[in-house]
Amino acid sequence: MGRVAKTTIVFLMVLAASYGYADTRAFRVDWRKNEVVVSGVSQVAARETGNRIEWQHSAAVQAKRIVLENFFVSLSALRVDAYRSAKDIMMNDPAINRAVHVYVDTFTHYQVLYGPDSVAFEKHVPLYGDGGLAPLLIEAGTDPGHFPSYDRLVFSTEFTGLVIDGRGLGRIPAVNPRVFDEDHNLVYSADLVRKVAFDRWGALSYTDDPYLGEHEVRVGTNPLRLIAIENPKLIETDLCISNEDAMILLQKEGTRSRLEEGMVVIILDSL
């Protein structure tokens, strides 16, 4: 067994012990990789009947059940937009609620880690791409390419994407954050992205690496790099850029087309 697998088992077993019960409930939203990671652990309990293989199988069934329960718990932590979590959306829309439950019924390919006295299951749920969760939660691409227009022209060039540095402003990640200018014109959101692009990789990616790392490919070799500005009127998922920066960003058709394809990365303090 690899070092990562061993470490995961030890962590989950210690966590179970610290809470004082056999079943561990754990989840996290990994915004760097655009996925929800859900874990479940169950102890292998000896019984008067059966053998260790049967006891281990029973623990595996229980661990898988805990993973499914934890997935639904995780939806409260999955922020979708300025006002709602995934759970909020499901509670207010029966059709979406049903669609997510059907989606969960299709779960396969769990990572299973067997310890000396426990079984740990882990499921990585993608937000986008094949089997992505996010397209079930919101309708993206309702107004693609409808960016604000500005009367004044500024010097600009064509950019291959957009990078916004939102560090130091207390911003938090979401599936559909909005970017406004100083006059509260909507400069960017999932509504303005083509649906096929949103389904593929979302409206944007998040990173806490100012050098972008693996996200560099998303914005190409010549992205426009902007620094978000303070705007106390905005909710914590949303960002503001200056009017001047918005004009530079949106002046060229080629840049606007790349925004429609979701070629955007936001840098936050920590994820």
C-alpha atoms as a PDB file:
ATOM      1  CA  MET A   1       0.000   0.000   0.000  1.00  0.00           C
ATOM      2  CA  GLY A   2       1.345   3.450  -0.905  1.00  0.00           C
ATOM      3  CA  ARG A   3       2.307   6.137   1.567  1.00  0.00           C
ATOM      4  CA  VAL A   4      -0.716   8.294   0.704  1.00  0.00           C
ATOM      5  CA  ALA A   5      -3.124   5.415   1.269  1.00  0.00           C
ATOM      6  CA  LYS A   6      -1.511   4.550   4.598  1.00  0.00           C
ATOM      7  CA  THR A   7      -1.594   8.177   5.693  1.00  0.00           C
ATOM      8  CA  THR A   8      -5.264   8.461   4.773  1.00  0.00           C
ATOM      9  CA  ILE A   9      -6.158   5.370   6.760  1.00  0.00           C
ATOM     10  CA  VAL A  10      -4.241   6.563   9.805  1.00  0.00           C
ATOM     11  CA  PHE A  11      -5.839  10.004   9.601  1.00  0.00           C
ATOM     12  CA  LEU A  12      -9.339   8.605   9.310  1.00  0.00           C
ATOM     13  CA  MET A  13      -8.788   6.099  12.105  1.00  0.00           C
ATOM     14  CA  VAL A  14      -7.409   8.793  14.435  1.00  0.00           C
ATOM     15  CA  LEU A  15     -10.322  11.059  13.537  1.00  0.00           C
ATOM     16  CA  ALA A  16     -12.768   8.274  14.355  1.00  0.00           C
ATOM     17  CA  ALA A  17     -11.116   7.704  17.718  1.00  0.00           C
ATOM     18  CA  SER A  18     -11.119  11.415  18.523  1.00  0.00           C
ATOM     19  CA  TYR A  19     -14.878  11.621  18.074  1.00  0.00           C
ATOM     20  CA  GLY A  20     -15.503   8.525  20.138  1.00  0.00           C
ATOM     21  CA  TYR A  21     -17.554   6.511  17.673  1.00  0.00           C
ATOM     22  CA  ALA A  22     -16.832   3.993  14.965  1.00  0.00           C
ATOM     23  CA  ASP A  23     -18.117   5.922  11.948  1.00  0.00           C
ATOM     24  CA  THR A  24     -16.210   8.960  10.751  1.00  0.00           C
ATOM     25  CA  ARG A  25     -17.979  11.647   8.731  1.00  0.00           C
ATOM     26  CA  ALA A  26     -15.763  13.849   6.599  1.00  0.00           C
ATOM     27  CA  PHE A  27     -15.919  15.915   3.415  1.00  0.00           C
ATOM     28  CA  ARG A  28     -14.211  18.862   1.762  1.00  0.00           C
ATOM     29  CA  VAL A  29     -14.728  20.998  -1.324  1.00  0.00           C
ATOM     30  CA  ASP A  30     -11.472  21.043  -3.290  1.00  0.00           C
ATOM     31  CA  TRP A  31     -11.731  24.242  -5.308  1.00  0.00           C
ATOM     32  CA  ARG A  32      -8.306  23.755  -6.886  1.00  0.00           C
ATOM     33  CA  LYS A  33      -9.456  20.546  -8.536  1.00  0.00           C
ATOM     34  CA  ASN A  34     -13.149  21.463  -8.763  1.00  0.00           C
ATOM     35  CA  GLU A  35     -14.404  18.451  -6.872  1.00  0.00           C
ATOM     36  CA  VAL A  36     -16.096  17.422  -3.653  1.00  0.00           C
ATOM     37  CA  VAL A  37     -14.177  14.752  -1.740  1.00  0.00           C
ATOM     38  CA  VAL A  38     -16.271  12.670   0.625  1.00  0.00           C
ATOM     39  CA  SER A  39     -15.007  10.035   3.063  1.00  0.00           C
ATOM     40  CA  GLY A  40     -16.548   7.441   5.315  1.00  0.00           C
ATOM     41  CA  VAL A  41     -14.994   5.000   7.775  1.00  0.00           C
ATOM     42  CA  SER A  42     -16.477   2.053   9.615  1.00  0.00           C
ATOM     43  CA  GLN A  43     -14.752  -0.198  12.135  1.00  0.00           C
ATOM     44  CA  VAL A  44     -14.583  -3.942  11.544  1.00  0.00           C
ATOM     45  CA  ALA A  45     -16.602  -5.278  14.465  1.00  0.00           C
ATOM     46  CA  ALA A  46     -16.277  -8.917  15.532  1.00  0.00           C
ATOM     47  CA  ARG A  47     -19.559 -10.753  16.022  1.00  0.00           C
ATOM     48  CA  GLU A  48     -20.606 -14.039  17.532  1.00  0.00           C
ATOM     49  CA  THR A  49     -21.300 -15.429  14.076  1.00  0.00           C
ATOM     50  CA  GLY A  50     -19.503 -15.182  10.765  1.00  0.00           C
ATOM     51  CA  ASN A  51     -15.824 -14.650  10.021  1.00  0.00           C
ATOM     52  CA  ARG A  52     -13.453 -11.734   9.502  1.00  0.00           C
ATOM     53  CA  ILE A  53     -14.181 -11.496   5.773  1.00  0.00           C
ATOM     54  CA  GLU A  54     -17.897 -11.182   6.476  1.00  0.00           C
ATOM     55  CA  TRP A  55     -17.267  -8.626   9.223  1.00  0.00           C
ATOM     56  CA  GLN A  56     -15.039  -6.632   6.885  1.00  0.00           C
ATOM     57  CA  HIS A  57     -17.698  -6.721   4.178  1.00  0.00           C
ATOM     58  CA  SER A  58     -20.288  -5.439   6.631  1.00  0.00           C
ATOM     59  CA  ALA A  59     -17.960  -2.582   7.579  1.00  0.00           C
ATOM     60  CA  ALA A  60     -17.446  -1.767   3.884  1.00  0.00           C
ATOM     61  CA  VAL A  61     -21.199  -1.552   3.312  1.00  0.00           C
ATOM     62  CA  GLN A  62     -21.493   0.770   6.298  1.00  0.00           C
ATOM     63  CA  ALA A  63     -18.575   2.948   5.147  1.00  0.00           C
ATOM     64  CA  LYS A  64     -20.137   3.345   1.705  1.00  0.00           C
ATOM     65  CA  ARG A  65     -23.440   4.337   3.288  1.00  0.00           C
ATOM     66  CA  ILE A  66     -21.629   6.972   5.355  1.00  0.00           C
ATOM     67  CA  VAL A  67     -20.007   8.358   2.191  1.00  0.00           C
ATOM     68  CA  LEU A  68     -23.438   8.838   0.619  1.00  0.00           C
ATOM     69  CA  GLU A  69     -24.754  10.498   3.761  1.00  0.00           C
ATOM     70  CA  ASN A  70     -21.718  12.754   3.903  1.00  0.00           C
ATOM     71  CA  PHE A  71     -22.170  13.768   0.298  1.00  0.00           C
ATOM     72  CA  PHE A  72     -25.575  15.224   1.106  1.00  0.00           C
ATOM     73  CA  VAL A  73     -24.130  16.922   4.195  1.00  0.00           C
ATOM     74  CA  SER A  74     -21.371  18.413   2.018  1.00  0.00           C
ATOM     75  CA  LEU A  75     -23.943  20.200  -0.140  1.00  0.00           C
ATOM     76  CA  SER A  76     -24.417  22.714   2.661  1.00  0.00           C
ATOM     77  CA  ALA A  77     -20.740  23.644   2.329  1.00  0.00           C
ATOM     78  CA  LEU A  78     -20.770  23.827  -1.470  1.00  0.00           C
ATOM     79  CA  ARG A  79     -21.369  27.509  -2.182  1.00  0.00           C
ATOM     80  CA  VAL A  80     -23.030  27.989  -5.556  1.00  0.00           C
ATOM     81  CA  ASP A  81     -23.514  31.741  -5.731  1.00  0.00           C
ATOM     82  CA  ALA A  82     -23.795  34.854  -3.602  1.00  0.00           C
ATOM     83  CA  TYR A  83     -26.926  33.711  -1.806  1.00  0.00           C
ATOM     84  CA  ARG A  84     -27.190  29.939  -1.997  1.00  0.00           C
ATOM     85  CA  SER A  85     -25.470  26.679  -1.234  1.00  0.00           C
ATOM     86  CA  ALA A  86     -26.200  23.529  -3.187  1.00  0.00           C
ATOM     87  CA  LYS A  87     -28.469  22.419  -0.345  1.00  0.00           C
ATOM     88  CA  ASP A  88     -30.440  25.682  -0.533  1.00  0.00           C
ATOM     89  CA  ILE A  89     -31.049  25.151  -4.237  1.00  0.00           C
ATOM     90  CA  MET A  90     -32.184  21.561  -3.752  1.00  0.00           C
ATOM     91  CA  MET A  91     -34.553  22.482  -0.939  1.00  0.00           C
ATOM     92  CA  ASN A  92     -36.214  25.148  -3.071  1.00  0.00           C
ATOM     93  CA  ASP A  93     -36.404  23.232  -6.358  1.00  0.00           C
ATOM     94  CA  PRO A  94     -37.923  19.726  -6.275  1.00  0.00           C
ATOM     95  CA  ALA A  95     -36.786  18.986  -9.837  1.00  0.00           C
ATOM     96  CA  ILE A  96     -33.156  19.709  -8.997  1.00  0.00           C
ATOM     97  CA  ASN A  97     -33.516  17.752  -5.771  1.00  0.00           C
ATOM     98  CA  ARG A  98     -34.704  14.717  -7.717  1.00  0.00           C
ATOM     99  CA  ALA A  99     -31.966  15.126 -10.325  1.00  0.00           C
ATOM    100  CA  VAL A 100     -29.245  15.149  -7.658  1.00  0.00           C
ATOM    101  CA  HIS A 101     -30.668  12.044  -5.968  1.00  0.00           C
ATOM    102  CA  VAL A 102     -30.727  10.245  -9.322  1.00  0.00           C
ATOM    103  CA  TYR A 103     -27.156  11.446  -9.871  1.00  0.00           C
ATOM    104  CA  VAL A 104     -26.057   9.961  -6.543  1.00  0.00           C
ATOM    105  CA  ASP A 105     -27.589   6.617  -7.520  1.00  0.00           C
ATOM    106  CA  THR A 106     -25.041   6.453 -10.362  1.00  0.00           C
ATOM    107  CA  PHE A 107     -22.002   6.727  -8.057  1.00  0.00           C
ATOM    108  CA  THR A 108     -19.297   4.150  -8.810  1.00  0.00           C
ATOM    109  CA  HIS A 109     -15.509   3.948  -8.578  1.00  0.00           C
ATOM    110  CA  TYR A 110     -14.979   4.504  -4.882  1.00  0.00           C
ATOM    111  CA  GLN A 111     -11.495   4.425  -3.444  1.00  0.00           C
ATOM    112  CA  VAL A 112     -11.455   1.716  -0.787  1.00  0.00           C
ATOM    113  CA  LEU A 113      -8.756   1.549   1.887  1.00  0.00           C
ATOM    114  CA  TYR A 114      -8.586  -1.456   4.182  1.00  0.00           C
ATOM    115  CA  GLY A 115      -6.932  -0.968   7.562  1.00  0.00           C
ATOM    116  CA  PRO A 116      -6.266  -3.533  10.278  1.00  0.00           C
ATOM    117  CA  ASP A 117      -9.564  -2.786  12.036  1.00  0.00           C
ATOM    118  CA  SER A 118     -11.453  -0.485   9.686  1.00  0.00           C
ATOM    119  CA  VAL A 119     -12.616   0.103   6.135  1.00  0.00           C
ATOM    120  CA  ALA A 120     -12.452   3.578   4.600  1.00  0.00           C
ATOM    121  CA  PHE A 121     -14.340   4.655   1.474  1.00  0.00           C
ATOM    122  CA  GLU A 122     -13.603   7.850  -0.433  1.00  0.00           C
ATOM    123  CA  LYS A 123     -15.491   9.345  -3.364  1.00  0.00           C
ATOM    124  CA  HIS A 124     -14.282  12.205  -5.573  1.00  0.00           C
ATOM    125  CA  VAL A 125     -17.307  13.975  -7.062  1.00  0.00           C
ATOM    126  CA  PRO A 126     -16.407  16.254 -10.000  1.00  0.00           C
ATOM    127  CA  LEU A 127     -18.115  19.594 -10.322  1.00  0.00           C
ATOM    128  CA  TYR A 128     -17.603  19.665 -14.098  1.00  0.00           C
ATOM    129  CA  GLY A 129     -16.742  17.384 -16.979  1.00  0.00           C
ATOM    130  CA  ASP A 130     -18.082  13.855 -17.292  1.00  0.00           C
ATOM    131  CA  GLY A 131     -20.469  13.257 -14.426  1.00  0.00           C
ATOM    132  CA  GLY A 132     -20.173  16.833 -13.196  1.00  0.00           C
ATOM    133  CA  LEU A 133     -22.462  17.977 -10.394  1.00  0.00           C
ATOM    134  CA  ALA A 134     -22.582  21.739 -10.999  1.00  0.00           C
ATOM    135  CA  PRO A 135     -24.651  21.665 -14.235  1.00  0.00           C
ATOM    136  CA  LEU A 136     -27.420  19.986 -12.219  1.00  0.00           C
ATOM    137  CA  LEU A 137     -27.501  22.865  -9.754  1.00  0.00           C
ATOM    138  CA  ILE A 138     -27.596  25.962 -11.958  1.00  0.00           C
ATOM    139  CA  GLU A 139     -28.494  26.860 -15.512  1.00  0.00           C
ATOM    140  CA  ALA A 140     -25.367  28.450 -16.928  1.00  0.00           C
ATOM    141  CA  GLY A 141     -25.037  30.141 -20.291  1.00  0.00           C
ATOM    142  CA  THR A 142     -28.385  31.932 -20.176  1.00  0.00           C
ATOM    143  CA  ASP A 143     -26.913  35.089 -21.732  1.00  0.00           C
ATOM    144  CA  PRO A 144     -23.539  34.193 -23.297  1.00  0.00           C
ATOM    145  CA  GLY A 145     -21.410  37.043 -24.544  1.00  0.00           C
ATOM    146  CA  HIS A 146     -23.709  39.803 -23.283  1.00  0.00           C
ATOM    147  CA  PHE A 147     -20.942  41.815 -21.674  1.00  0.00           C
ATOM    148  CA  PRO A 148     -21.393  45.502 -20.820  1.00  0.00           C
ATOM    149  CA  SER A 149     -20.312  48.059 -23.391  1.00  0.00           C
ATOM    150  CA  TYR A 150     -18.454  51.271 -22.622  1.00  0.00           C
ATOM    151  CA  ASP A 151     -18.630  54.545 -24.495  1.00  0.00           C
ATOM    152  CA  ARG A 152     -14.995  55.442 -23.971  1.00  0.00           C
ATOM    153  CA  LEU A 153     -12.217  53.578 -25.752  1.00  0.00           C
ATOM    154  CA  VAL A 154      -8.954  52.760 -24.008  1.00  0.00           C
ATOM    155  CA  PHE A 155      -5.721  51.283 -25.237  1.00  0.00           C
ATOM    156  CA  SER A 156      -5.979  47.514 -25.184  1.00  0.00           C
ATOM    157  CA  THR A 157      -4.881  44.358 -26.941  1.00  0.00           C
ATOM    158  CA  GLU A 158      -6.250  40.872 -27.335  1.00  0.00           C
ATOM    159  CA  PHE A 159      -5.772  38.648 -24.290  1.00  0.00           C
ATOM    160  CA  THR A 160      -5.846  34.867 -24.074  1.00  0.00           C
ATOM    161  CA  GLY A 161      -7.709  34.836 -20.771  1.00  0.00           C
ATOM    162  CA  LEU A 162      -8.247  36.624 -17.482  1.00  0.00           C
ATOM    163  CA  VAL A 163      -6.570  36.341 -14.071  1.00  0.00           C
ATOM    164  CA  ILE A 164      -8.065  38.264 -11.141  1.00  0.00           C
ATOM    165  CA  ASP A 165      -6.099  38.558  -7.922  1.00  0.00           C
ATOM    166  CA  GLY A 166      -8.693  38.676  -5.158  1.00  0.00           C
ATOM    167  CA  ARG A 167      -6.338  38.193  -2.226  1.00  0.00           C
ATOM    168  CA  GLY A 168      -6.670  40.322   0.873  1.00  0.00           C
ATOM    169  CA  LEU A 169     -10.386  41.012   0.405  1.00  0.00           C
ATOM    170  CA  GLY A 170     -11.914  38.148   2.369  1.00  0.00           C
ATOM    171  CA  ARG A 171     -13.449  36.570  -0.715  1.00  0.00           C
ATOM    172  CA  ILE A 172     -14.594  32.937  -0.733  1.00  0.00           C
ATOM    173  CA  PRO A 173     -14.989  30.541  -3.695  1.00  0.00           C
ATOM    174  CA  ALA A 174     -18.264  29.578  -5.339  1.00  0.00           C
ATOM    175  CA  VAL A 175     -19.511  27.797  -8.440  1.00  0.00           C
ATOM    176  CA  ASN A 176     -20.881  31.034  -9.863  1.00  0.00           C
ATOM    177  CA  PRO A 177     -19.146  34.122  -8.503  1.00  0.00           C
ATOM    178  CA  ARG A 178     -19.848  37.429 -10.186  1.00  0.00           C
ATOM    179  CA  VAL A 179     -17.412  40.123 -11.259  1.00  0.00           C
ATOM    180  CA  PHE A 180     -18.690  43.702 -11.290  1.00  0.00           C
ATOM    181  CA  ASP A 181     -17.185  47.026 -12.244  1.00  0.00           C
ATOM    182  CA  GLU A 182     -17.314  50.058  -9.956  1.00  0.00           C
ATOM    183  CA  ASP A 183     -20.734  51.053 -11.314  1.00  0.00           C
ATOM    184  CA  HIS A 184     -22.080  47.581 -10.538  1.00  0.00           C
ATOM    185  CA  ASN A 185     -22.250  46.493 -14.169  1.00  0.00           C
ATOM    186  CA  LEU A 186     -21.953  42.719 -14.411  1.00  0.00           C
ATOM    187  CA  VAL A 187     -18.644  42.079 -16.144  1.00  0.00           C
ATOM    188  CA  TYR A 188     -18.496  38.294 -15.755  1.00  0.00           C
ATOM    189  CA  SER A 189     -20.533  35.359 -14.434  1.00  0.00           C
ATOM    190  CA  ALA A 190     -21.639  31.870 -15.440  1.00  0.00           C
ATOM    191  CA  ASP A 191     -24.605  33.441 -17.249  1.00  0.00           C
ATOM    192  CA  LEU A 192     -22.201  35.008 -19.760  1.00  0.00           C
ATOM    193  CA  VAL A 193     -20.286  31.768 -20.404  1.00  0.00           C
ATOM    194  CA  ARG A 194     -21.339  29.297 -23.066  1.00  0.00           C
ATOM    195  CA  LYS A 195     -23.125  26.331 -21.520  1.00  0.00           C
ATOM    196  CA  VAL A 196     -20.872  23.783 -23.214  1.00  0.00           C
ATOM    197  CA  ALA A 197     -17.837  25.510 -21.713  1.00  0.00           C
ATOM    198  CA  PHE A 198     -19.412  25.661 -18.254  1.00  0.00           C
ATOM    199  CA  ASP A 199     -20.301  21.975 -18.380  1.00  0.00           C
ATOM    200  CA  ARG A 200     -16.740  21.173 -19.441  1.00  0.00           C
ATOM    201  CA  TRP A 201     -14.760  23.091 -16.796  1.00  0.00           C
ATOM    202  CA  GLY A 202     -16.940  25.674 -15.118  1.00  0.00           C
ATOM    203  CA  ALA A 203     -16.977  29.444 -15.400  1.00  0.00           C
ATOM    204  CA  LEU A 204     -13.500  29.699 -13.843  1.00  0.00           C
ATOM    205  CA  SER A 205     -10.860  28.006 -11.739  1.00  0.00           C
ATOM    206  CA  TYR A 206      -9.576  28.998  -8.318  1.00  0.00           C
ATOM    207  CA  THR A 207      -6.023  28.894  -7.058  1.00  0.00           C
ATOM    208  CA  ASP A 208      -3.997  30.314  -4.183  1.00  0.00           C
ATOM    209  CA  ASP A 209      -0.829  30.182  -6.298  1.00  0.00           C
ATOM    210  CA  PRO A 210      -0.022  33.594  -7.839  1.00  0.00           C
ATOM    211  CA  TYR A 211       2.024  31.753 -10.484  1.00  0.00           C
ATOM    212  CA  LEU A 212      -1.129  29.750 -11.349  1.00  0.00           C
ATOM    213  CA  GLY A 213       0.613  26.363 -11.542  1.00  0.00           C
ATOM    214  CA  GLU A 214      -1.519  23.841 -13.416  1.00  0.00           C
ATOM    215  CA  HIS A 215      -4.169  26.507 -14.082  1.00  0.00           C
ATOM    216  CA  GLU A 216      -1.870  28.430 -16.417  1.00  0.00           C
ATOM    217  CA  VAL A 217      -3.075  26.367 -19.358  1.00  0.00           C
ATOM    218  CA  ARG A 218      -6.606  27.636 -18.800  1.00  0.00           C
ATOM    219  CA  VAL A 219      -5.789  31.291 -19.452  1.00  0.00           C
ATOM    220  CA  GLY A 220      -3.159  30.880 -22.145  1.00  0.00           C
ATOM    221  CA  THR A 221       0.147  32.626 -22.637  1.00  0.00           C
ATOM    222  CA  ASN A 222      -1.048  36.233 -22.536  1.00  0.00           C
ATOM    223  CA  PRO A 223      -3.818  36.669 -19.954  1.00  0.00           C
ATOM    224  CA  LEU A 224      -4.908  40.025 -18.625  1.00  0.00           C
ATOM    225  CA  ARG A 225      -3.920  40.167 -14.945  1.00  0.00           C
ATOM    226  CA  LEU A 226      -6.088  42.376 -12.765  1.00  0.00           C
ATOM    227  CA  ILE A 227      -6.251  43.145  -9.056  1.00  0.00           C
ATOM    228  CA  ALA A 228      -9.715  43.173  -7.528  1.00  0.00           C
ATOM    229  CA  ILE A 229     -10.644  46.239  -5.520  1.00  0.00           C
ATOM    230  CA  GLU A 230     -12.495  46.621  -2.243  1.00  0.00           C
ATOM    231  CA  ASN A 231     -16.260  47.001  -2.532  1.00  0.00           C
ATOM    232  CA  PRO A 232     -18.137  46.634   0.773  1.00  0.00           C
ATOM    233  CA  LYS A 233     -21.473  46.410  -1.041  1.00  0.00           C
ATOM    234  CA  LEU A 234     -20.594  43.042  -2.578  1.00  0.00           C
ATOM    235  CA  ILE A 235     -21.328  39.676  -1.032  1.00  0.00           C
ATOM    236  CA  GLU A 236     -18.271  37.599  -0.128  1.00  0.00           C
ATOM    237  CA  THR A 237     -18.340  35.414  -3.253  1.00  0.00           C
ATOM    238  CA  ASP A 238     -18.263  38.354  -5.681  1.00  0.00           C
ATOM    239  CA  LEU A 239     -15.437  40.577  -6.910  1.00  0.00           C
ATOM    240  CA  CYS A 240     -15.094  44.127  -8.159  1.00  0.00           C
ATOM    241  CA  ILE A 241     -12.651  45.482 -10.729  1.00  0.00           C
ATOM    242  CA  SER A 242     -12.136  49.094 -11.743  1.00  0.00           C
ATOM    243  CA  ASN A 243     -14.072  50.599 -14.630  1.00  0.00           C
ATOM    244  CA  GLU A 244     -10.792  51.211 -16.426  1.00  0.00           C
ATOM    245  CA  ASP A 245      -9.808  47.548 -16.115  1.00  0.00           C
ATOM    246  CA  ALA A 246     -13.233  46.458 -17.309  1.00  0.00           C
ATOM    247  CA  MET A 247     -12.853  48.606 -20.423  1.00  0.00           C
ATOM    248  CA  ILE A 248      -9.425  47.140 -21.156  1.00  0.00           C
ATOM    249  CA  LEU A 249     -10.771  43.609 -20.649  1.00  0.00           C
ATOM    250  CA  LEU A 250     -13.847  43.897 -22.840  1.00  0.00           C
ATOM    251  CA  GLN A 251     -12.672  46.095 -25.689  1.00  0.00           C
ATOM    252  CA  LYS A 252     -11.406  43.338 -28.004  1.00  0.00           C
ATOM    253  CA  GLU A 253     -13.748  40.739 -29.504  1.00  0.00           C
ATOM    254  CA  GLY A 254     -11.116  38.013 -29.232  1.00  0.00           C
ATOM    255  CA  THR A 255     -10.834  38.532 -25.473  1.00  0.00           C
ATOM    256  CA  ARG A 256     -14.598  38.508 -25.045  1.00  0.00           C
ATOM    257  CA  SER A 257     -14.817  35.216 -26.932  1.00  0.00           C
ATOM    258  CA  ARG A 258     -12.315  33.687 -24.529  1.00  0.00           C
ATOM    259  CA  LEU A 259     -14.374  34.869 -21.583  1.00  0.00           C
ATOM    260  CA  GLU A 260     -17.353  33.088 -23.127  1.00  0.00           C
ATOM    261  CA  GLU A 261     -15.232  29.935 -23.019  1.00  0.00           C
ATOM    262  CA  GLY A 262     -14.549  30.353 -19.299  1.00  0.00           C
ATOM    263  CA  MET A 263     -10.842  31.118 -19.645  1.00  0.00           C
ATOM    264  CA  VAL A 264     -10.678  32.758 -16.224  1.00  0.00           C
ATOM    265  CA  VAL A 265      -8.702  32.079 -13.031  1.00  0.00           C
ATOM    266  CA  ILE A 266      -9.249  33.780  -9.667  1.00  0.00           C
ATOM    267  CA  ILE A 267      -6.516  33.881  -7.033  1.00  0.00           C
ATOM    268  CA  LEU A 268      -7.669  33.833  -3.404  1.00  0.00           C
ATOM    269  CA  ASP A 269      -5.785  33.809  -0.116  1.00  0.00           C
ATOM    270  CA  SER A 270      -6.457  30.179   0.758  1.00  0.00           C
ATOM    271  CA  LEU A 271      -8.640  27.397  -0.530  1.00  0.00           C
END
